[in-house]
Amino acid sequence: MPPAEQEIVWTVVVAGGSGARFGGAKQYADIGGRRMLDHTVAVARSCSAGVVVVVPAADVAAESSRGLVAVAGGATRSDSVRAGLAAVPDEATIVCVHDAARPFAGAELFDDVVRAVHDGADGAIPGVAVTDTIKVVDAGRRVVATPDRSTLVAVQTPQAFRAAVLRRAHESGGHGTDDAALVEQAGGTVVVVDGDVDNRKVTLPGDLAWARERVASR
């Protein structure tokens, strides 16, 4: 039996951003006749018992009318995740957190992170190898270190967590660029599974052009 069928998995899809770098609310951008958010929610639904979508407060009513469980996001990503987590039922045993801006995450990736948590990890995140040399710089832009890139991965979503662990990690009200950072700070064990290079985050207009081309070429 697949781990998702042995656990009660819910997914929080984070779509509360204003799209400042993108130039607009990218989560609603059209990709092949469907909104980016709808692409993302569709795969999350196929892998979860339920999905909570976190959107800007002004959009909650409209998204709820589409049949989504929608809640208002907060000032930061972590605040938005906490808002979504509050809407996840207590019966959930594993919670996945996924960015709406990654519309091409496959069901296999969801299964991989859920399986890792089912097998005992507090959290599991997808990661891909870093191919560029990374430099650590100080406030004056001086290089202070060059990490061994063989020890580095670029992290993606969906990220899966034992529900109780994720809730405890968020109780502090802390902030991080991803939820794994909060779980790590709380002493949890987070493992990395193989990510997918096509699970690309749509951040800039050029990324949207790539996403549209990808769908058109299918």
N, C-alpha and C. Protein backbone atom coordinates (compact mmCIF):
# COMPACT_ATOMS: atom_id res chain seq x y z
N MET A 1 0.85 -1.19 0.00
CA MET A 1 0.00 0.00 0.00
C MET A 1 0.88 1.24 0.00
N PRO A 2 0.65 2.20 -0.92
CA PRO A 2 1.45 3.43 -0.94
C PRO A 2 1.32 4.19 0.37
N PRO A 3 2.38 4.90 0.79
CA PRO A 3 2.34 5.59 2.08
C PRO A 3 1.21 6.60 2.18
N ALA A 4 0.85 7.25 1.07
CA ALA A 4 -0.22 8.24 1.11
C ALA A 4 -1.56 7.61 1.48
N GLU A 5 -1.69 6.30 1.24
CA GLU A 5 -2.93 5.61 1.59
C GLU A 5 -2.91 5.11 3.02
N GLN A 6 -1.74 5.11 3.65
CA GLN A 6 -1.63 4.70 5.04
C GLN A 6 -1.64 5.90 5.98
N GLU A 7 -1.43 7.07 5.44
CA GLU A 7 -1.40 8.31 6.20
C GLU A 7 -2.58 9.18 5.77
N ILE A 8 -2.88 10.19 6.58
CA ILE A 8 -3.87 11.20 6.20
C ILE A 8 -3.07 12.43 5.80
N VAL A 9 -2.94 12.63 4.50
CA VAL A 9 -2.09 13.68 3.96
C VAL A 9 -2.94 14.87 3.52
N TRP A 10 -2.58 16.04 4.01
CA TRP A 10 -3.17 17.29 3.53
C TRP A 10 -2.06 18.15 2.96
N THR A 11 -2.42 19.00 2.00
CA THR A 11 -1.44 19.90 1.39
C THR A 11 -1.89 21.34 1.53
N VAL A 12 -0.95 22.19 1.94
CA VAL A 12 -1.15 23.64 1.96
C VAL A 12 -0.45 24.21 0.74
N VAL A 13 -1.22 24.81 -0.16
CA VAL A 13 -0.65 25.46 -1.34
C VAL A 13 -0.55 26.95 -1.07
N VAL A 14 0.67 27.46 -1.10
CA VAL A 14 0.93 28.86 -0.76
C VAL A 14 0.85 29.70 -2.03
N ALA A 15 -0.17 30.56 -2.08
CA ALA A 15 -0.40 31.41 -3.26
C ALA A 15 -0.78 32.81 -2.82
N GLY A 16 -0.17 33.26 -1.71
CA GLY A 16 -0.56 34.53 -1.13
C GLY A 16 0.29 35.71 -1.52
N GLY A 17 1.27 35.48 -2.38
CA GLY A 17 2.20 36.56 -2.73
C GLY A 17 1.61 37.59 -3.66
N SER A 18 2.22 38.77 -3.66
CA SER A 18 1.76 39.87 -4.53
C SER A 18 2.43 39.82 -5.90
N GLY A 19 3.49 39.01 -6.04
CA GLY A 19 4.19 38.91 -7.31
C GLY A 19 5.01 40.15 -7.63
N ALA A 20 5.65 40.73 -6.62
CA ALA A 20 6.41 41.98 -6.82
C ALA A 20 7.51 41.81 -7.86
N ARG A 21 8.26 40.71 -7.78
CA ARG A 21 9.34 40.48 -8.74
C ARG A 21 8.80 40.13 -10.12
N PHE A 22 7.61 39.54 -10.14
CA PHE A 22 7.01 39.10 -11.39
C PHE A 22 6.29 40.23 -12.11
N GLY A 23 5.77 41.18 -11.33
CA GLY A 23 5.02 42.26 -11.92
C GLY A 23 3.52 42.08 -11.86
N GLY A 24 3.05 41.15 -11.04
CA GLY A 24 1.61 40.90 -10.91
C GLY A 24 1.38 39.60 -10.17
N ALA A 25 0.11 39.26 -10.00
CA ALA A 25 -0.26 38.05 -9.26
C ALA A 25 -0.04 36.82 -10.15
N LYS A 26 1.18 36.31 -10.12
CA LYS A 26 1.57 35.24 -11.05
C LYS A 26 0.78 33.96 -10.84
N GLN A 27 0.24 33.75 -9.61
CA GLN A 27 -0.48 32.51 -9.35
C GLN A 27 -1.72 32.37 -10.22
N TYR A 28 -2.20 33.48 -10.78
CA TYR A 28 -3.38 33.44 -11.63
C TYR A 28 -3.04 33.54 -13.12
N ALA A 29 -1.77 33.55 -13.45
CA ALA A 29 -1.36 33.64 -14.85
C ALA A 29 -1.81 32.41 -15.63
N ASP A 30 -2.17 32.62 -16.88
CA ASP A 30 -2.65 31.53 -17.73
C ASP A 30 -1.48 30.71 -18.26
N ILE A 31 -1.60 29.39 -18.09
CA ILE A 31 -0.62 28.46 -18.67
C ILE A 31 -1.41 27.39 -19.42
N GLY A 32 -1.44 27.50 -20.72
CA GLY A 32 -2.14 26.51 -21.53
C GLY A 32 -3.63 26.43 -21.26
N GLY A 33 -4.26 27.58 -20.98
CA GLY A 33 -5.70 27.59 -20.78
C GLY A 33 -6.14 27.36 -19.35
N ARG A 34 -5.21 27.15 -18.44
CA ARG A 34 -5.53 26.99 -17.02
C ARG A 34 -4.64 27.91 -16.21
N ARG A 35 -5.16 28.39 -15.10
CA ARG A 35 -4.36 29.23 -14.23
C ARG A 35 -3.22 28.40 -13.61
N MET A 36 -2.11 29.08 -13.35
CA MET A 36 -1.00 28.40 -12.70
C MET A 36 -1.46 27.73 -11.41
N LEU A 37 -2.26 28.44 -10.61
CA LEU A 37 -2.75 27.89 -9.35
C LEU A 37 -3.54 26.61 -9.58
N ASP A 38 -4.32 26.56 -10.64
CA ASP A 38 -5.14 25.37 -10.90
C ASP A 38 -4.28 24.17 -11.28
N HIS A 39 -3.21 24.41 -12.03
CA HIS A 39 -2.27 23.32 -12.32
C HIS A 39 -1.72 22.74 -11.01
N THR A 40 -1.31 23.63 -10.12
CA THR A 40 -0.68 23.21 -8.87
C THR A 40 -1.66 22.48 -7.96
N VAL A 41 -2.87 23.02 -7.84
CA VAL A 41 -3.87 22.41 -6.97
C VAL A 41 -4.28 21.03 -7.50
N ALA A 42 -4.34 20.87 -8.81
CA ALA A 42 -4.79 19.60 -9.37
C ALA A 42 -3.90 18.44 -8.93
N VAL A 43 -2.58 18.61 -9.00
CA VAL A 43 -1.70 17.51 -8.60
C VAL A 43 -1.73 17.33 -7.09
N ALA A 44 -1.85 18.43 -6.34
CA ALA A 44 -1.92 18.32 -4.89
C ALA A 44 -3.16 17.54 -4.48
N ARG A 45 -4.27 17.80 -5.13
CA ARG A 45 -5.51 17.08 -4.83
C ARG A 45 -5.38 15.59 -5.11
N SER A 46 -4.66 15.27 -6.17
CA SER A 46 -4.53 13.85 -6.54
C SER A 46 -3.68 13.08 -5.54
N CYS A 47 -2.92 13.80 -4.71
CA CYS A 47 -2.00 13.16 -3.77
C CYS A 47 -2.39 13.36 -2.31
N SER A 48 -3.52 14.01 -2.06
CA SER A 48 -3.86 14.42 -0.71
C SER A 48 -5.32 14.12 -0.40
N ALA A 49 -5.61 14.01 0.89
CA ALA A 49 -6.99 13.89 1.34
C ALA A 49 -7.71 15.22 1.22
N GLY A 50 -6.97 16.32 1.30
CA GLY A 50 -7.54 17.65 1.18
C GLY A 50 -6.47 18.66 0.91
N VAL A 51 -6.88 19.82 0.38
CA VAL A 51 -5.96 20.89 0.03
C VAL A 51 -6.49 22.21 0.57
N VAL A 52 -5.62 22.98 1.21
CA VAL A 52 -5.93 24.34 1.64
C VAL A 52 -5.10 25.28 0.79
N VAL A 53 -5.76 26.27 0.18
CA VAL A 53 -5.07 27.25 -0.65
C VAL A 53 -5.00 28.57 0.09
N VAL A 54 -3.80 29.12 0.20
CA VAL A 54 -3.59 30.40 0.87
C VAL A 54 -3.43 31.47 -0.20
N VAL A 55 -4.34 32.44 -0.21
CA VAL A 55 -4.37 33.47 -1.24
C VAL A 55 -4.45 34.85 -0.59
N PRO A 56 -4.24 35.92 -1.36
CA PRO A 56 -4.45 37.26 -0.79
C PRO A 56 -5.87 37.40 -0.24
N ALA A 57 -6.00 38.17 0.84
CA ALA A 57 -7.29 38.28 1.51
C ALA A 57 -8.41 38.69 0.56
N ALA A 58 -8.11 39.56 -0.39
CA ALA A 58 -9.14 40.04 -1.31
C ALA A 58 -9.65 38.95 -2.24
N ASP A 59 -8.92 37.84 -2.34
CA ASP A 59 -9.29 36.78 -3.29
C ASP A 59 -9.95 35.57 -2.63
N VAL A 60 -10.09 35.59 -1.31
CA VAL A 60 -10.61 34.41 -0.61
C VAL A 60 -12.02 34.05 -1.09
N ALA A 61 -12.91 35.03 -1.20
CA ALA A 61 -14.29 34.74 -1.60
C ALA A 61 -14.34 34.16 -3.01
N ALA A 62 -13.57 34.75 -3.93
CA ALA A 62 -13.58 34.26 -5.31
C ALA A 62 -13.05 32.84 -5.41
N GLU A 63 -11.97 32.55 -4.68
CA GLU A 63 -11.40 31.20 -4.76
C GLU A 63 -12.31 30.19 -4.05
N SER A 64 -12.96 30.61 -2.98
CA SER A 64 -13.91 29.72 -2.30
C SER A 64 -15.07 29.39 -3.22
N SER A 65 -15.50 30.34 -4.03
CA SER A 65 -16.61 30.10 -4.96
C SER A 65 -16.23 29.11 -6.04
N ARG A 66 -14.94 28.89 -6.23
CA ARG A 66 -14.46 27.89 -7.19
C ARG A 66 -14.40 26.49 -6.57
N GLY A 67 -14.79 26.40 -5.31
CA GLY A 67 -14.78 25.10 -4.64
C GLY A 67 -13.51 24.80 -3.89
N LEU A 68 -12.63 25.79 -3.75
CA LEU A 68 -11.39 25.59 -3.03
C LEU A 68 -11.58 25.93 -1.56
N VAL A 69 -10.81 25.26 -0.69
CA VAL A 69 -10.73 25.67 0.72
C VAL A 69 -9.68 26.76 0.75
N ALA A 70 -10.12 28.01 0.80
CA ALA A 70 -9.22 29.15 0.67
C ALA A 70 -9.19 29.96 1.95
N VAL A 71 -7.98 30.37 2.36
CA VAL A 71 -7.80 31.23 3.52
C VAL A 71 -6.88 32.37 3.13
N ALA A 72 -6.94 33.44 3.93
CA ALA A 72 -6.12 34.63 3.65
C ALA A 72 -4.70 34.44 4.12
N GLY A 73 -3.76 34.88 3.30
CA GLY A 73 -2.35 34.80 3.66
C GLY A 73 -1.95 35.91 4.60
N GLY A 74 -0.71 35.85 5.06
CA GLY A 74 -0.19 36.84 6.00
C GLY A 74 0.87 37.71 5.39
N ALA A 75 1.57 38.44 6.24
CA ALA A 75 2.58 39.39 5.78
C ALA A 75 3.82 38.70 5.23
N THR A 76 4.13 37.49 5.72
CA THR A 76 5.30 36.75 5.27
C THR A 76 4.88 35.36 4.83
N ARG A 77 5.80 34.66 4.18
CA ARG A 77 5.50 33.30 3.75
C ARG A 77 5.16 32.43 4.96
N SER A 78 5.93 32.55 6.02
CA SER A 78 5.67 31.72 7.20
C SER A 78 4.30 32.04 7.80
N ASP A 79 3.93 33.33 7.82
CA ASP A 79 2.60 33.69 8.30
C ASP A 79 1.52 33.04 7.44
N SER A 80 1.74 33.00 6.14
CA SER A 80 0.77 32.40 5.23
C SER A 80 0.65 30.90 5.47
N VAL A 81 1.78 30.25 5.67
CA VAL A 81 1.74 28.81 5.94
C VAL A 81 0.99 28.55 7.24
N ARG A 82 1.23 29.36 8.25
CA ARG A 82 0.52 29.18 9.52
C ARG A 82 -0.98 29.34 9.34
N ALA A 83 -1.39 30.29 8.50
CA ALA A 83 -2.82 30.47 8.23
C ALA A 83 -3.40 29.23 7.55
N GLY A 84 -2.65 28.67 6.61
CA GLY A 84 -3.12 27.46 5.95
C GLY A 84 -3.13 26.28 6.89
N LEU A 85 -2.10 26.17 7.72
CA LEU A 85 -1.99 25.05 8.65
C LEU A 85 -3.14 25.06 9.65
N ALA A 86 -3.61 26.25 10.03
CA ALA A 86 -4.73 26.35 10.97
C ALA A 86 -6.01 25.78 10.38
N ALA A 87 -6.10 25.72 9.06
CA ALA A 87 -7.29 25.19 8.40
C ALA A 87 -7.19 23.70 8.10
N VAL A 88 -6.03 23.11 8.34
CA VAL A 88 -5.85 21.67 8.14
C VAL A 88 -6.44 20.92 9.34
N PRO A 89 -7.29 19.94 9.11
CA PRO A 89 -7.90 19.24 10.26
C PRO A 89 -6.88 18.53 11.13
N ASP A 90 -7.22 18.40 12.41
CA ASP A 90 -6.32 17.77 13.37
C ASP A 90 -6.01 16.33 13.02
N GLU A 91 -6.87 15.68 12.25
CA GLU A 91 -6.68 14.27 11.91
C GLU A 91 -5.54 14.04 10.93
N ALA A 92 -5.07 15.10 10.27
CA ALA A 92 -3.98 14.96 9.31
C ALA A 92 -2.73 14.44 10.01
N THR A 93 -2.08 13.47 9.42
CA THR A 93 -0.85 12.92 9.99
C THR A 93 0.40 13.45 9.30
N ILE A 94 0.27 13.82 8.03
CA ILE A 94 1.37 14.42 7.26
C ILE A 94 0.82 15.64 6.55
N VAL A 95 1.59 16.73 6.60
CA VAL A 95 1.20 17.95 5.89
C VAL A 95 2.29 18.28 4.87
N CYS A 96 1.88 18.46 3.62
CA CYS A 96 2.79 18.94 2.58
C CYS A 96 2.58 20.43 2.40
N VAL A 97 3.64 21.15 2.17
CA VAL A 97 3.57 22.58 1.86
C VAL A 97 4.16 22.76 0.47
N HIS A 98 3.38 23.40 -0.41
CA HIS A 98 3.79 23.50 -1.81
C HIS A 98 3.55 24.91 -2.32
N ASP A 99 4.48 25.41 -3.11
CA ASP A 99 4.35 26.74 -3.70
C ASP A 99 3.49 26.68 -4.95
N ALA A 100 2.50 27.58 -5.03
CA ALA A 100 1.67 27.65 -6.23
C ALA A 100 2.50 27.92 -7.48
N ALA A 101 3.66 28.55 -7.29
CA ALA A 101 4.51 28.93 -8.42
C ALA A 101 5.33 27.78 -8.96
N ARG A 102 5.10 26.56 -8.47
CA ARG A 102 5.75 25.37 -9.04
C ARG A 102 4.65 24.46 -9.61
N PRO A 103 4.13 24.79 -10.80
CA PRO A 103 2.98 24.07 -11.34
C PRO A 103 3.29 22.70 -11.93
N PHE A 104 4.58 22.34 -12.04
CA PHE A 104 4.93 21.09 -12.69
C PHE A 104 5.49 20.03 -11.75
N ALA A 105 5.27 20.18 -10.47
CA ALA A 105 5.64 19.11 -9.54
C ALA A 105 4.75 17.91 -9.83
N GLY A 106 5.36 16.73 -9.96
CA GLY A 106 4.59 15.54 -10.30
C GLY A 106 4.12 14.78 -9.07
N ALA A 107 3.17 13.88 -9.29
CA ALA A 107 2.67 13.05 -8.20
C ALA A 107 3.79 12.22 -7.59
N GLU A 108 4.78 11.83 -8.41
CA GLU A 108 5.87 11.02 -7.89
C GLU A 108 6.68 11.78 -6.85
N LEU A 109 6.82 13.09 -7.04
CA LEU A 109 7.57 13.90 -6.09
C LEU A 109 6.82 14.00 -4.76
N PHE A 110 5.51 14.19 -4.84
CA PHE A 110 4.70 14.16 -3.62
C PHE A 110 4.87 12.82 -2.91
N ASP A 111 4.81 11.74 -3.68
CA ASP A 111 4.92 10.41 -3.08
C ASP A 111 6.28 10.22 -2.41
N ASP A 112 7.34 10.74 -3.03
CA ASP A 112 8.68 10.56 -2.48
C ASP A 112 8.84 11.25 -1.13
N VAL A 113 8.34 12.50 -1.02
CA VAL A 113 8.51 13.20 0.25
C VAL A 113 7.60 12.62 1.32
N VAL A 114 6.39 12.22 0.93
CA VAL A 114 5.48 11.59 1.90
C VAL A 114 6.05 10.26 2.39
N ARG A 115 6.61 9.50 1.47
CA ARG A 115 7.20 8.21 1.84
C ARG A 115 8.33 8.38 2.85
N ALA A 116 9.17 9.40 2.64
CA ALA A 116 10.29 9.62 3.55
C ALA A 116 9.80 9.95 4.96
N VAL A 117 8.73 10.73 5.06
CA VAL A 117 8.16 11.04 6.38
C VAL A 117 7.49 9.81 6.96
N HIS A 118 6.79 9.09 6.15
CA HIS A 118 6.16 7.84 6.59
C HIS A 118 7.21 6.87 7.15
N ASP A 119 8.40 6.90 6.56
CA ASP A 119 9.48 5.99 6.98
C ASP A 119 10.24 6.49 8.21
N GLY A 120 9.89 7.67 8.73
CA GLY A 120 10.48 8.08 10.00
C GLY A 120 11.08 9.47 10.08
N ALA A 121 11.25 10.16 8.96
CA ALA A 121 11.81 11.51 9.01
C ALA A 121 10.77 12.49 9.54
N ASP A 122 11.23 13.56 10.19
CA ASP A 122 10.31 14.62 10.60
C ASP A 122 9.86 15.46 9.41
N GLY A 123 10.75 15.56 8.44
CA GLY A 123 10.43 16.32 7.24
C GLY A 123 11.23 15.80 6.06
N ALA A 124 10.73 16.04 4.85
CA ALA A 124 11.43 15.62 3.64
C ALA A 124 11.24 16.69 2.57
N ILE A 125 12.34 17.02 1.90
CA ILE A 125 12.32 18.09 0.91
C ILE A 125 13.01 17.63 -0.37
N PRO A 126 12.52 18.06 -1.53
CA PRO A 126 13.22 17.73 -2.77
C PRO A 126 14.41 18.67 -2.97
N GLY A 127 15.48 18.12 -3.49
CA GLY A 127 16.66 18.95 -3.77
C GLY A 127 17.34 18.51 -5.05
N VAL A 128 17.90 19.48 -5.76
CA VAL A 128 18.66 19.18 -6.98
C VAL A 128 20.09 19.68 -6.79
N ALA A 129 21.02 19.05 -7.45
CA ALA A 129 22.44 19.39 -7.30
C ALA A 129 22.70 20.83 -7.74
N VAL A 130 23.59 21.49 -7.03
CA VAL A 130 24.02 22.84 -7.38
C VAL A 130 25.16 22.73 -8.38
N THR A 131 24.99 23.33 -9.55
CA THR A 131 26.01 23.22 -10.59
C THR A 131 26.94 24.43 -10.64
N ASP A 132 26.52 25.54 -10.07
CA ASP A 132 27.37 26.74 -10.04
C ASP A 132 28.22 26.74 -8.79
N THR A 133 29.36 27.41 -8.85
CA THR A 133 30.16 27.64 -7.66
C THR A 133 29.46 28.71 -6.82
N ILE A 134 29.35 28.45 -5.51
CA ILE A 134 28.68 29.37 -4.60
C ILE A 134 29.71 30.10 -3.74
N LYS A 135 29.54 31.40 -3.60
CA LYS A 135 30.41 32.21 -2.74
C LYS A 135 29.58 32.79 -1.60
N VAL A 136 30.16 32.81 -0.41
CA VAL A 136 29.58 33.51 0.74
C VAL A 136 30.26 34.86 0.83
N VAL A 137 29.44 35.94 0.86
CA VAL A 137 30.01 37.29 0.90
C VAL A 137 29.54 38.02 2.15
N ASP A 138 30.33 39.02 2.57
CA ASP A 138 29.95 39.82 3.73
C ASP A 138 29.21 41.07 3.26
N ALA A 139 28.92 41.98 4.20
CA ALA A 139 28.15 43.18 3.88
C ALA A 139 28.86 44.07 2.87
N GLY A 140 30.19 43.96 2.80
CA GLY A 140 30.95 44.75 1.84
C GLY A 140 31.15 44.06 0.51
N ARG A 141 30.45 42.93 0.30
CA ARG A 141 30.52 42.14 -0.94
C ARG A 141 31.87 41.47 -1.10
N ARG A 142 32.60 41.30 -0.01
CA ARG A 142 33.86 40.56 -0.06
C ARG A 142 33.57 39.08 0.15
N VAL A 143 34.25 38.24 -0.60
CA VAL A 143 34.08 36.80 -0.47
C VAL A 143 34.74 36.33 0.82
N VAL A 144 33.98 35.61 1.63
CA VAL A 144 34.52 35.12 2.90
C VAL A 144 34.60 33.59 2.93
N ALA A 145 33.94 32.92 1.99
CA ALA A 145 34.01 31.45 1.96
C ALA A 145 33.50 30.95 0.62
N THR A 146 33.99 29.76 0.26
CA THR A 146 33.51 29.06 -0.93
C THR A 146 33.11 27.65 -0.51
N PRO A 147 31.82 27.40 -0.28
CA PRO A 147 31.40 26.08 0.18
C PRO A 147 31.66 25.01 -0.88
N ASP A 148 31.86 23.81 -0.42
CA ASP A 148 32.00 22.66 -1.30
C ASP A 148 30.63 22.38 -1.90
N ARG A 149 30.47 22.59 -3.20
CA ARG A 149 29.14 22.46 -3.79
C ARG A 149 28.62 21.03 -3.80
N SER A 150 29.50 20.07 -3.56
CA SER A 150 29.02 18.69 -3.48
C SER A 150 28.15 18.47 -2.24
N THR A 151 28.24 19.40 -1.29
CA THR A 151 27.43 19.29 -0.07
C THR A 151 26.16 20.14 -0.15
N LEU A 152 25.93 20.80 -1.28
CA LEU A 152 24.82 21.73 -1.42
C LEU A 152 23.74 21.19 -2.35
N VAL A 153 22.50 21.51 -2.04
CA VAL A 153 21.39 21.24 -2.96
C VAL A 153 20.50 22.47 -3.02
N ALA A 154 19.86 22.66 -4.17
CA ALA A 154 18.86 23.70 -4.32
C ALA A 154 17.50 23.07 -4.00
N VAL A 155 16.78 23.67 -3.07
CA VAL A 155 15.59 23.05 -2.51
C VAL A 155 14.33 23.48 -3.24
N GLN A 156 13.40 22.54 -3.36
CA GLN A 156 12.13 22.77 -4.03
C GLN A 156 10.98 22.49 -3.06
N THR A 157 9.76 22.61 -3.57
CA THR A 157 8.57 22.09 -2.90
C THR A 157 7.91 21.15 -3.90
N PRO A 158 7.06 20.23 -3.44
CA PRO A 158 6.44 20.11 -2.12
C PRO A 158 7.41 19.60 -1.05
N GLN A 159 7.23 20.14 0.15
CA GLN A 159 7.95 19.65 1.32
C GLN A 159 6.92 18.98 2.23
N ALA A 160 7.26 17.82 2.75
CA ALA A 160 6.33 17.06 3.59
C ALA A 160 6.86 16.99 5.02
N PHE A 161 5.94 17.01 5.98
CA PHE A 161 6.32 16.99 7.39
C PHE A 161 5.32 16.16 8.19
N ARG A 162 5.82 15.51 9.24
CA ARG A 162 4.92 14.94 10.22
C ARG A 162 4.10 16.10 10.78
N ALA A 163 2.79 15.99 10.76
CA ALA A 163 1.92 17.12 11.06
C ALA A 163 2.21 17.74 12.42
N ALA A 164 2.37 16.92 13.44
CA ALA A 164 2.61 17.44 14.79
C ALA A 164 3.93 18.20 14.85
N VAL A 165 4.92 17.73 14.12
CA VAL A 165 6.23 18.40 14.11
C VAL A 165 6.12 19.77 13.46
N LEU A 166 5.42 19.84 12.33
CA LEU A 166 5.28 21.11 11.64
C LEU A 166 4.50 22.11 12.48
N ARG A 167 3.45 21.64 13.14
CA ARG A 167 2.67 22.54 13.99
C ARG A 167 3.53 23.09 15.13
N ARG A 168 4.32 22.21 15.74
CA ARG A 168 5.18 22.68 16.84
C ARG A 168 6.21 23.69 16.33
N ALA A 169 6.77 23.44 15.16
CA ALA A 169 7.79 24.34 14.61
C ALA A 169 7.22 25.73 14.36
N HIS A 170 5.93 25.79 14.02
CA HIS A 170 5.32 27.08 13.73
C HIS A 170 4.78 27.77 14.98
N GLU A 171 4.71 27.06 16.09
CA GLU A 171 4.18 27.67 17.31
C GLU A 171 5.01 28.85 17.79
N SER A 172 6.29 28.86 17.45
CA SER A 172 7.18 29.93 17.89
C SER A 172 6.91 31.24 17.16
N GLY A 173 6.18 31.15 16.04
CA GLY A 173 5.93 32.34 15.25
C GLY A 173 7.14 32.79 14.46
N GLY A 174 8.12 31.90 14.28
CA GLY A 174 9.33 32.25 13.56
C GLY A 174 9.11 32.36 12.06
N HIS A 175 10.16 32.79 11.37
CA HIS A 175 10.08 33.00 9.93
C HIS A 175 11.27 32.34 9.24
N GLY A 176 11.02 31.82 8.06
CA GLY A 176 12.08 31.18 7.28
C GLY A 176 11.70 31.22 5.81
N THR A 177 12.67 31.01 4.95
CA THR A 177 12.37 31.00 3.52
C THR A 177 11.68 29.71 3.10
N ASP A 178 11.76 28.70 3.95
CA ASP A 178 10.95 27.50 3.74
C ASP A 178 10.62 26.90 5.10
N ASP A 179 9.70 25.93 5.11
CA ASP A 179 9.26 25.36 6.38
C ASP A 179 10.29 24.41 6.96
N ALA A 180 11.12 23.84 6.10
CA ALA A 180 12.17 22.96 6.60
C ALA A 180 13.09 23.70 7.55
N ALA A 181 13.36 24.98 7.28
CA ALA A 181 14.24 25.76 8.14
C ALA A 181 13.67 25.86 9.56
N LEU A 182 12.36 26.03 9.68
CA LEU A 182 11.74 26.11 11.00
C LEU A 182 11.80 24.78 11.72
N VAL A 183 11.57 23.70 10.98
CA VAL A 183 11.64 22.36 11.58
C VAL A 183 13.08 22.06 12.01
N GLU A 184 14.05 22.44 11.20
CA GLU A 184 15.45 22.24 11.57
C GLU A 184 15.79 23.01 12.85
N GLN A 185 15.33 24.27 12.93
CA GLN A 185 15.61 25.10 14.10
C GLN A 185 14.99 24.51 15.36
N ALA A 186 13.88 23.79 15.18
CA ALA A 186 13.20 23.17 16.32
C ALA A 186 13.80 21.82 16.68
N GLY A 187 14.87 21.40 15.98
CA GLY A 187 15.54 20.15 16.28
C GLY A 187 15.06 18.96 15.51
N GLY A 188 14.21 19.17 14.51
CA GLY A 188 13.70 18.07 13.72
C GLY A 188 14.69 17.57 12.69
N THR A 189 14.50 16.33 12.27
CA THR A 189 15.35 15.72 11.25
C THR A 189 14.68 15.86 9.89
N VAL A 190 15.36 16.53 8.97
CA VAL A 190 14.85 16.74 7.63
C VAL A 190 15.77 16.04 6.64
N VAL A 191 15.19 15.24 5.75
CA VAL A 191 15.98 14.53 4.75
C VAL A 191 15.67 15.08 3.36
N VAL A 192 16.59 14.84 2.45
CA VAL A 192 16.45 15.32 1.07
C VAL A 192 16.18 14.14 0.15
N VAL A 193 15.17 14.29 -0.71
CA VAL A 193 14.91 13.33 -1.77
C VAL A 193 15.29 13.98 -3.09
N ASP A 194 15.42 13.17 -4.12
CA ASP A 194 15.79 13.72 -5.43
C ASP A 194 14.68 14.65 -5.94
N GLY A 195 15.07 15.87 -6.29
CA GLY A 195 14.14 16.81 -6.89
C GLY A 195 14.03 16.58 -8.39
N ASP A 196 13.36 17.50 -9.06
CA ASP A 196 13.10 17.39 -10.49
C ASP A 196 13.46 18.72 -11.14
N VAL A 197 14.35 18.70 -12.13
CA VAL A 197 14.77 19.95 -12.76
C VAL A 197 13.60 20.65 -13.46
N ASP A 198 12.57 19.90 -13.83
CA ASP A 198 11.40 20.51 -14.47
C ASP A 198 10.43 21.10 -13.45
N ASN A 199 10.70 20.86 -12.16
CA ASN A 199 9.86 21.44 -11.11
C ASN A 199 10.35 22.85 -10.82
N ARG A 200 10.31 23.65 -11.85
CA ARG A 200 10.91 24.98 -11.83
C ARG A 200 9.93 26.00 -11.23
N LYS A 201 10.45 26.93 -10.46
CA LYS A 201 9.61 27.96 -9.86
C LYS A 201 9.44 29.12 -10.83
N VAL A 202 8.21 29.53 -11.05
CA VAL A 202 7.93 30.67 -11.91
C VAL A 202 8.10 31.93 -11.06
N THR A 203 9.21 32.63 -11.30
CA THR A 203 9.55 33.82 -10.52
C THR A 203 9.54 35.08 -11.36
N LEU A 204 10.03 34.97 -12.60
CA LEU A 204 10.14 36.12 -13.50
C LEU A 204 9.34 35.86 -14.78
N PRO A 205 9.01 36.90 -15.54
CA PRO A 205 8.23 36.70 -16.77
C PRO A 205 8.84 35.67 -17.72
N GLY A 206 10.16 35.57 -17.76
CA GLY A 206 10.78 34.57 -18.62
C GLY A 206 10.45 33.15 -18.20
N ASP A 207 10.26 32.95 -16.89
CA ASP A 207 9.87 31.63 -16.40
C ASP A 207 8.46 31.28 -16.87
N LEU A 208 7.59 32.28 -16.93
CA LEU A 208 6.22 32.03 -17.40
C LEU A 208 6.24 31.64 -18.88
N ALA A 209 7.09 32.31 -19.66
CA ALA A 209 7.20 31.95 -21.08
C ALA A 209 7.66 30.51 -21.23
N TRP A 210 8.63 30.10 -20.40
CA TRP A 210 9.09 28.71 -20.42
C TRP A 210 7.96 27.75 -20.07
N ALA A 211 7.17 28.10 -19.05
CA ALA A 211 6.07 27.23 -18.61
C ALA A 211 5.04 27.06 -19.72
N ARG A 212 4.72 28.15 -20.40
CA ARG A 212 3.75 28.07 -21.49
C ARG A 212 4.27 27.23 -22.65
N GLU A 213 5.54 27.38 -22.96
CA GLU A 213 6.14 26.57 -24.01
C GLU A 213 6.14 25.10 -23.64
N ARG A 214 6.39 24.82 -22.38
CA ARG A 214 6.41 23.43 -21.92
C ARG A 214 5.04 22.78 -22.09
N VAL A 215 3.99 23.49 -21.71
CA VAL A 215 2.64 22.95 -21.85
C VAL A 215 2.27 22.81 -23.34
N ALA A 216 2.63 23.79 -24.14
CA ALA A 216 2.28 23.76 -25.56
C ALA A 216 2.97 22.62 -26.29
N SER A 217 4.13 22.19 -25.80
CA SER A 217 4.90 21.16 -26.50
C SER A 217 4.47 19.74 -26.09
N ARG A 218 3.58 19.62 -25.12
CA ARG A 218 3.16 18.29 -24.67
C ARG A 218 2.31 17.60 -25.75
